[in-house]
Amino acid sequence: DKETIQQMAKRFVEAGADIIDVGMVAGESQPEKAKRIVEWVKQVVDVPVSIDTLDPAEIKAAVQAGAELVLSGDAGNIEDIAPFTQKTAVVVIPTNQRQGYFPKKAHDRVKYLEETIAKAKKLGVPRCLADLILEPTNILESFIAFKEFAAKNPDVPLFVGVSNVTELMDADSVGVNALLARLSQEVNASILLATEKSD
């Protein structure tokens, strides 16, 4: 409900969040809900708001409501979202979710992401961030991909979703986040996504 969402957003900003991320449910398309939640959050906090979905309808609704960052664009949706993300920053990932494709090896992941970002820019999406995807079962290979991409593309900001690992590791979340933040710093990441969703 509106009150709970707005309280959470304010609490996260008070705790130091620089961006508030509105996460949607994978496999569902709820553009009206995305629009409404982004609007509610923007009413009470003075930080950028991002929308976390691959669904083009949800992305469009959220951008129209004022979302400044989109997570995520990939090879499967970039053509659909390009017309309404030309003035919005987009986190691009090395997948094609529609086809179920995600390269596992660092080199292949870097190459696929470079191709997808090049396509996004050709379609008129000028502000792209790169997320090589931090895999909970392949952490080392994931950070190798981040490091390799950063070395080849120093002008593209890196986005690391540390919650992918933290939420699936039954250990001290603060310590795990601290370690992942340190590793992210070593690959020169610009943004970290941390959550409090998982029990």
C-alpha atoms as a PDB file:
ATOM      1  CA  ASP A   1       0.000   0.000   0.000  1.00  0.00           C
ATOM      2  CA  LYS A   2       1.010   3.615  -0.545  1.00  0.00           C
ATOM      3  CA  GLU A   3       1.867   4.407   3.076  1.00  0.00           C
ATOM      4  CA  THR A   4       4.116   1.356   3.524  1.00  0.00           C
ATOM      5  CA  ILE A   5       5.928   1.955   0.226  1.00  0.00           C
ATOM      6  CA  GLN A   6       6.530   5.613   1.023  1.00  0.00           C
ATOM      7  CA  GLN A   7       7.778   4.789   4.545  1.00  0.00           C
ATOM      8  CA  MET A   8      10.189   2.201   3.122  1.00  0.00           C
ATOM      9  CA  ALA A   9      11.503   4.637   0.514  1.00  0.00           C
ATOM     10  CA  LYS A  10      12.131   7.304   3.151  1.00  0.00           C
ATOM     11  CA  ARG A  11      13.821   4.784   5.461  1.00  0.00           C
ATOM     12  CA  PHE A  12      16.190   3.618   2.716  1.00  0.00           C
ATOM     13  CA  VAL A  13      17.164   7.201   1.860  1.00  0.00           C
ATOM     14  CA  GLU A  14      17.748   7.960   5.546  1.00  0.00           C
ATOM     15  CA  ALA A  15      19.975   4.846   5.680  1.00  0.00           C
ATOM     16  CA  GLY A  16      22.093   6.224   2.815  1.00  0.00           C
ATOM     17  CA  ALA A  17      20.518   4.974  -0.431  1.00  0.00           C
ATOM     18  CA  ASP A  18      21.339   7.258  -3.374  1.00  0.00           C
ATOM     19  CA  ILE A  19      18.677   5.687  -5.631  1.00  0.00           C
ATOM     20  CA  ILE A  20      15.403   3.939  -4.791  1.00  0.00           C
ATOM     21  CA  ASP A  21      14.697   0.894  -6.944  1.00  0.00           C
ATOM     22  CA  VAL A  22      11.126  -0.216  -7.624  1.00  0.00           C
ATOM     23  CA  GLY A  23      11.221  -3.957  -8.253  1.00  0.00           C
ATOM     24  CA  MET A  24       8.470  -5.646 -10.219  1.00  0.00           C
ATOM     25  CA  VAL A  25       7.472  -9.334 -10.244  1.00  0.00           C
ATOM     26  CA  ALA A  26       9.173 -11.340 -13.005  1.00  0.00           C
ATOM     27  CA  GLY A  27       6.731 -12.987 -15.412  1.00  0.00           C
ATOM     28  CA  GLU A  28       3.919 -10.545 -14.665  1.00  0.00           C
ATOM     29  CA  SER A  29       3.083  -7.359 -16.567  1.00  0.00           C
ATOM     30  CA  GLN A  30       1.633  -4.665 -14.330  1.00  0.00           C
ATOM     31  CA  PRO A  31       2.360  -1.285 -15.957  1.00  0.00           C
ATOM     32  CA  GLU A  32      -0.270   0.588 -13.936  1.00  0.00           C
ATOM     33  CA  LYS A  33       1.247  -0.692 -10.706  1.00  0.00           C
ATOM     34  CA  ALA A  34       4.752   0.280 -11.875  1.00  0.00           C
ATOM     35  CA  LYS A  35       3.550   3.801 -12.706  1.00  0.00           C
ATOM     36  CA  ARG A  36       1.703   4.190  -9.415  1.00  0.00           C
ATOM     37  CA  ILE A  37       4.603   3.009  -7.228  1.00  0.00           C
ATOM     38  CA  VAL A  38       7.162   5.211  -9.005  1.00  0.00           C
ATOM     39  CA  GLU A  39       4.850   8.197  -8.509  1.00  0.00           C
ATOM     40  CA  TRP A  40       4.380   7.373  -4.807  1.00  0.00           C
ATOM     41  CA  VAL A  41       8.119   7.079  -4.221  1.00  0.00           C
ATOM     42  CA  LYS A  42       8.899  10.305  -6.071  1.00  0.00           C
ATOM     43  CA  GLN A  43       6.379  12.157  -3.881  1.00  0.00           C
ATOM     44  CA  VAL A  44       8.414  11.530  -0.713  1.00  0.00           C
ATOM     45  CA  VAL A  45      12.110  11.240  -1.624  1.00  0.00           C
ATOM     46  CA  ASP A  46      14.492  13.536  -3.446  1.00  0.00           C
ATOM     47  CA  VAL A  47      16.728  10.900  -5.041  1.00  0.00           C
ATOM     48  CA  PRO A  48      16.492   9.231  -8.460  1.00  0.00           C
ATOM     49  CA  VAL A  49      14.067   6.321  -8.817  1.00  0.00           C
ATOM     50  CA  SER A  50      14.762   3.224 -10.919  1.00  0.00           C
ATOM     51  CA  ILE A  51      12.416   0.580 -12.292  1.00  0.00           C
ATOM     52  CA  ASP A  52      13.570  -3.035 -12.066  1.00  0.00           C
ATOM     53  CA  THR A  53      11.924  -5.096 -14.805  1.00  0.00           C
ATOM     54  CA  LEU A  54      12.528  -6.402 -18.315  1.00  0.00           C
ATOM     55  CA  ASP A  55       8.881  -5.885 -19.293  1.00  0.00           C
ATOM     56  CA  PRO A  56       8.612  -3.087 -21.906  1.00  0.00           C
ATOM     57  CA  ALA A  57       5.106  -2.055 -20.787  1.00  0.00           C
ATOM     58  CA  GLU A  58       6.230  -1.674 -17.168  1.00  0.00           C
ATOM     59  CA  ILE A  59       9.354   0.204 -18.247  1.00  0.00           C
ATOM     60  CA  LYS A  60       7.347   2.602 -20.410  1.00  0.00           C
ATOM     61  CA  ALA A  61       4.848   3.321 -17.622  1.00  0.00           C
ATOM     62  CA  ALA A  62       7.601   3.873 -15.051  1.00  0.00           C
ATOM     63  CA  VAL A  63       9.585   6.198 -17.327  1.00  0.00           C
ATOM     64  CA  GLN A  64       6.432   8.203 -18.008  1.00  0.00           C
ATOM     65  CA  ALA A  65       5.957   8.456 -14.225  1.00  0.00           C
ATOM     66  CA  GLY A  66       9.480   9.878 -13.871  1.00  0.00           C
ATOM     67  CA  ALA A  67      11.838   6.916 -13.353  1.00  0.00           C
ATOM     68  CA  GLU A  68      15.380   8.064 -14.145  1.00  0.00           C
ATOM     69  CA  LEU A  69      17.016   4.640 -14.429  1.00  0.00           C
ATOM     70  CA  VAL A  70      15.869   1.413 -16.094  1.00  0.00           C
ATOM     71  CA  LEU A  71      16.985  -2.055 -14.993  1.00  0.00           C
ATOM     72  CA  SER A  72      17.264  -3.611 -17.425  1.00  0.00           C
ATOM     73  CA  GLY A  73      17.690  -3.567 -21.159  1.00  0.00           C
ATOM     74  CA  ASP A  74      18.888  -6.697 -22.933  1.00  0.00           C
ATOM     75  CA  ALA A  75      19.074  -8.146 -26.444  1.00  0.00           C
ATOM     76  CA  GLY A  76      15.473  -9.320 -26.127  1.00  0.00           C
ATOM     77  CA  ASN A  77      13.821  -6.022 -25.200  1.00  0.00           C
ATOM     78  CA  ILE A  78      16.152  -3.205 -26.285  1.00  0.00           C
ATOM     79  CA  GLU A  79      14.333  -2.546 -29.562  1.00  0.00           C
ATOM     80  CA  ASP A  80      11.011  -2.297 -27.716  1.00  0.00           C
ATOM     81  CA  ILE A  81      12.236   0.038 -24.967  1.00  0.00           C
ATOM     82  CA  ALA A  82      14.539   2.278 -27.061  1.00  0.00           C
ATOM     83  CA  PRO A  83      11.787   4.689 -28.208  1.00  0.00           C
ATOM     84  CA  PHE A  84      10.984   5.762 -24.630  1.00  0.00           C
ATOM     85  CA  THR A  85      14.401   5.456 -22.940  1.00  0.00           C
ATOM     86  CA  GLN A  86      16.328   7.947 -25.044  1.00  0.00           C
ATOM     87  CA  LYS A  87      16.456  10.436 -22.158  1.00  0.00           C
ATOM     88  CA  THR A  88      16.760   7.817 -19.422  1.00  0.00           C
ATOM     89  CA  ALA A  89      19.780   5.890 -18.207  1.00  0.00           C
ATOM     90  CA  VAL A  90      19.528   2.155 -18.956  1.00  0.00           C
ATOM     91  CA  VAL A  91      21.392  -0.687 -17.271  1.00  0.00           C
ATOM     92  CA  VAL A  92      22.184  -3.158 -20.051  1.00  0.00           C
ATOM     93  CA  ILE A  93      22.723  -6.840 -19.275  1.00  0.00           C
ATOM     94  CA  PRO A  94      24.326  -9.609 -21.395  1.00  0.00           C
ATOM     95  CA  THR A  95      21.206 -11.719 -21.843  1.00  0.00           C
ATOM     96  CA  ASN A  96      18.321 -12.375 -24.139  1.00  0.00           C
ATOM     97  CA  GLN A  97      15.667 -13.284 -21.586  1.00  0.00           C
ATOM     98  CA  ARG A  98      13.064 -13.960 -24.267  1.00  0.00           C
ATOM     99  CA  GLN A  99      15.251 -16.680 -25.733  1.00  0.00           C
ATOM    100  CA  GLY A 100      16.660 -17.852 -22.409  1.00  0.00           C
ATOM    101  CA  TYR A 101      20.222 -16.956 -23.435  1.00  0.00           C
ATOM    102  CA  PHE A 102      22.945 -15.978 -20.944  1.00  0.00           C
ATOM    103  CA  PRO A 103      26.627 -16.661 -21.706  1.00  0.00           C
ATOM    104  CA  LYS A 104      28.463 -18.272 -18.798  1.00  0.00           C
ATOM    105  CA  LYS A 105      32.097 -17.570 -19.703  1.00  0.00           C
ATOM    106  CA  ALA A 106      33.470 -14.116 -18.888  1.00  0.00           C
ATOM    107  CA  HIS A 107      34.836 -13.463 -22.387  1.00  0.00           C
ATOM    108  CA  ASP A 108      31.540 -14.401 -24.072  1.00  0.00           C
ATOM    109  CA  ARG A 109      29.578 -12.311 -21.602  1.00  0.00           C
ATOM    110  CA  VAL A 110      31.749  -9.242 -22.255  1.00  0.00           C
ATOM    111  CA  LYS A 111      31.431  -9.624 -26.024  1.00  0.00           C
ATOM    112  CA  TYR A 112      27.647 -10.072 -25.898  1.00  0.00           C
ATOM    113  CA  LEU A 113      27.218  -7.067 -23.623  1.00  0.00           C
ATOM    114  CA  GLU A 114      29.387  -4.882 -25.866  1.00  0.00           C
ATOM    115  CA  GLU A 115      27.228  -5.891 -28.843  1.00  0.00           C
ATOM    116  CA  THR A 116      23.993  -5.156 -26.959  1.00  0.00           C
ATOM    117  CA  ILE A 117      25.216  -1.732 -25.781  1.00  0.00           C
ATOM    118  CA  ALA A 118      26.318  -0.879 -29.323  1.00  0.00           C
ATOM    119  CA  LYS A 119      22.843  -1.832 -30.553  1.00  0.00           C
ATOM    120  CA  ALA A 120      21.197   0.274 -27.824  1.00  0.00           C
ATOM    121  CA  LYS A 121      23.249   3.323 -28.802  1.00  0.00           C
ATOM    122  CA  LYS A 122      22.426   2.788 -32.473  1.00  0.00           C
ATOM    123  CA  LEU A 123      18.732   2.753 -31.498  1.00  0.00           C
ATOM    124  CA  GLY A 124      19.136   6.123 -29.752  1.00  0.00           C
ATOM    125  CA  VAL A 125      19.745   5.115 -26.121  1.00  0.00           C
ATOM    126  CA  PRO A 126      22.817   7.224 -25.272  1.00  0.00           C
ATOM    127  CA  ARG A 127      23.170   6.621 -21.514  1.00  0.00           C
ATOM    128  CA  CYS A 128      24.036   2.961 -20.916  1.00  0.00           C
ATOM    129  CA  LEU A 129      25.439   1.331 -17.805  1.00  0.00           C
ATOM    130  CA  ALA A 130      26.857  -2.189 -17.889  1.00  0.00           C
ATOM    131  CA  ASP A 131      25.818  -5.042 -15.610  1.00  0.00           C
ATOM    132  CA  LEU A 132      27.735  -8.260 -16.307  1.00  0.00           C
ATOM    133  CA  ILE A 133      25.435  -9.988 -13.757  1.00  0.00           C
ATOM    134  CA  LEU A 134      26.849 -11.221 -10.481  1.00  0.00           C
ATOM    135  CA  GLU A 135      25.880 -14.889 -10.361  1.00  0.00           C
ATOM    136  CA  PRO A 136      25.500 -16.516  -6.931  1.00  0.00           C
ATOM    137  CA  THR A 137      26.917 -19.814  -8.210  1.00  0.00           C
ATOM    138  CA  ASN A 138      29.647 -18.291 -10.366  1.00  0.00           C
ATOM    139  CA  ILE A 139      30.942 -15.315  -8.383  1.00  0.00           C
ATOM    140  CA  LEU A 140      34.588 -15.428  -9.482  1.00  0.00           C
ATOM    141  CA  GLU A 141      33.760 -15.759 -13.190  1.00  0.00           C
ATOM    142  CA  SER A 142      31.289 -12.900 -12.806  1.00  0.00           C
ATOM    143  CA  PHE A 143      33.898 -10.561 -11.319  1.00  0.00           C
ATOM    144  CA  ILE A 144      36.379 -11.598 -14.026  1.00  0.00           C
ATOM    145  CA  ALA A 145      33.746 -10.504 -16.573  1.00  0.00           C
ATOM    146  CA  PHE A 146      33.294  -7.161 -14.789  1.00  0.00           C
ATOM    147  CA  LYS A 147      37.057  -6.594 -14.695  1.00  0.00           C
ATOM    148  CA  GLU A 148      37.524  -7.563 -18.343  1.00  0.00           C
ATOM    149  CA  PHE A 149      34.655  -5.328 -19.472  1.00  0.00           C
ATOM    150  CA  ALA A 150      35.924  -2.373 -17.400  1.00  0.00           C
ATOM    151  CA  ALA A 151      39.409  -2.671 -18.912  1.00  0.00           C
ATOM    152  CA  LYS A 152      38.011  -2.629 -22.452  1.00  0.00           C
ATOM    153  CA  ASN A 153      35.248  -0.042 -21.842  1.00  0.00           C
ATOM    154  CA  PRO A 154      36.471   2.456 -19.217  1.00  0.00           C
ATOM    155  CA  ASP A 155      33.876   5.030 -20.298  1.00  0.00           C
ATOM    156  CA  VAL A 156      30.878   2.778 -19.492  1.00  0.00           C
ATOM    157  CA  PRO A 157      29.800   2.889 -15.811  1.00  0.00           C
ATOM    158  CA  LEU A 158      29.444  -0.482 -14.098  1.00  0.00           C
ATOM    159  CA  PHE A 159      26.385  -1.608 -12.147  1.00  0.00           C
ATOM    160  CA  VAL A 160      26.699  -4.571  -9.740  1.00  0.00           C
ATOM    161  CA  GLY A 161      23.657  -6.307  -8.267  1.00  0.00           C
ATOM    162  CA  VAL A 162      25.205  -7.587  -5.040  1.00  0.00           C
ATOM    163  CA  SER A 163      21.821  -8.806  -3.801  1.00  0.00           C
ATOM    164  CA  ASN A 164      21.996 -11.687  -6.306  1.00  0.00           C
ATOM    165  CA  VAL A 165      24.606 -13.219  -4.004  1.00  0.00           C
ATOM    166  CA  THR A 166      23.586 -11.828  -0.604  1.00  0.00           C
ATOM    167  CA  GLU A 167      20.009 -13.082  -0.842  1.00  0.00           C
ATOM    168  CA  LEU A 168      21.100 -16.633  -1.655  1.00  0.00           C
ATOM    169  CA  MET A 169      23.901 -16.963   0.889  1.00  0.00           C
ATOM    170  CA  ASP A 170      22.807 -18.021   4.371  1.00  0.00           C
ATOM    171  CA  ALA A 171      25.411 -15.930   6.169  1.00  0.00           C
ATOM    172  CA  ASP A 172      25.930 -12.486   7.677  1.00  0.00           C
ATOM    173  CA  SER A 173      24.392 -10.178   5.055  1.00  0.00           C
ATOM    174  CA  VAL A 174      26.259  -7.074   6.250  1.00  0.00           C
ATOM    175  CA  GLY A 175      29.593  -8.875   5.973  1.00  0.00           C
ATOM    176  CA  VAL A 176      28.744 -10.414   2.603  1.00  0.00           C
ATOM    177  CA  ASN A 177      27.659  -6.994   1.280  1.00  0.00           C
ATOM    178  CA  ALA A 178      30.860  -5.409   2.614  1.00  0.00           C
ATOM    179  CA  LEU A 179      33.036  -7.987   0.850  1.00  0.00           C
ATOM    180  CA  LEU A 180      31.063  -7.673  -2.411  1.00  0.00           C
ATOM    181  CA  ALA A 181      31.250  -3.873  -2.175  1.00  0.00           C
ATOM    182  CA  ARG A 182      35.042  -4.112  -1.835  1.00  0.00           C
ATOM    183  CA  LEU A 183      35.306  -6.421  -4.852  1.00  0.00           C
ATOM    184  CA  SER A 184      32.981  -4.097  -6.793  1.00  0.00           C
ATOM    185  CA  GLN A 185      35.242  -1.182  -5.931  1.00  0.00           C
ATOM    186  CA  GLU A 186      38.217  -3.128  -7.303  1.00  0.00           C
ATOM    187  CA  VAL A 187      36.502  -3.454 -10.690  1.00  0.00           C
ATOM    188  CA  ASN A 188      35.604   0.275 -10.499  1.00  0.00           C
ATOM    189  CA  ALA A 189      31.818  -0.138 -10.186  1.00  0.00           C
ATOM    190  CA  SER A 190      29.713   3.021 -10.046  1.00  0.00           C
ATOM    191  CA  ILE A 191      26.455   1.639  -8.633  1.00  0.00           C
ATOM    192  CA  LEU A 192      25.646  -1.245  -6.276  1.00  0.00           C
ATOM    193  CA  LEU A 193      22.146  -2.678  -5.952  1.00  0.00           C
ATOM    194  CA  ALA A 194      21.451  -3.982  -2.441  1.00  0.00           C
ATOM    195  CA  THR A 195      18.059  -5.178  -1.233  1.00  0.00           C
ATOM    196  CA  GLU A 196      16.236  -6.282   1.911  1.00  0.00           C
ATOM    197  CA  LYS A 197      13.720  -8.472   0.079  1.00  0.00           C
ATOM    198  CA  SER A 198      14.774 -12.049   0.822  1.00  0.00           C
ATOM    199  CA  ASP A 199      13.884 -13.695   4.119  1.00  0.00           C
END
